[in-house]
């Protein structure tokens, strides 16, 4: 949460300042390198080349900073999905490509995203953070809904579940992928994660995509998976 007075809408609708971006990028590096508990606010300030007082001006605590780092990464992914979907809105094949981009992103950022797994322990030492985590999940779901609409456009009406509920399902899936990648050692283990993600794509196309008059086109598009 940017400062104590920042609202979640700031994270969703406005870009952070250059200083805040530098701090978030530095925090992602530190968390990925040392984990949440192995990283101090001073480590982040040093990595970002800002004073500790300036860091605390923008971020009330390390816990809030952790969540805003994750939102920054989700926003980066959303930007990539939007670029990928430009000019091809409503294509089911485009949905497959977007999901593939998500998996590549999760693999690429697995160390920075893996710090999310520390949240359970963080909540034990700071129960008041539970409300902030609830807000964080809501913000992530909103960003995922934006991504779903960007990819599918008018075709979103062909889904058998609402975009909101699909977003929650995808968030849980992505969290599971992050957890698996955090313990995947070697190429074979990562290959299994990719195969499992591909299986989810199959289920998405055959379960959540409505059986419309163009179902043969949907099946043909999905055959390349």
Foldseek 3Di string as FASTA:
>chain_A
DFAPPDDLVCLVPHDDDPLLVLLLVLLLVQCLVQALVRDDLVSSCVSSVHDSVVVCRTPVDSVRSLLSSVSVLLVVLLVVLLVLQPPPAQDLLSVVVSLVSLLVSCLVSLSSVLSVVCVVVVCVVPVVCVVVVVVSLVSQLVSQLVSVCSRRPVQQVQWPDHSSVVSNVVVVLSVVLSVQSVPQDDDVSVVVSVVVSLVVSVCCLVPGGHPDPCNVVSVVSSVVD
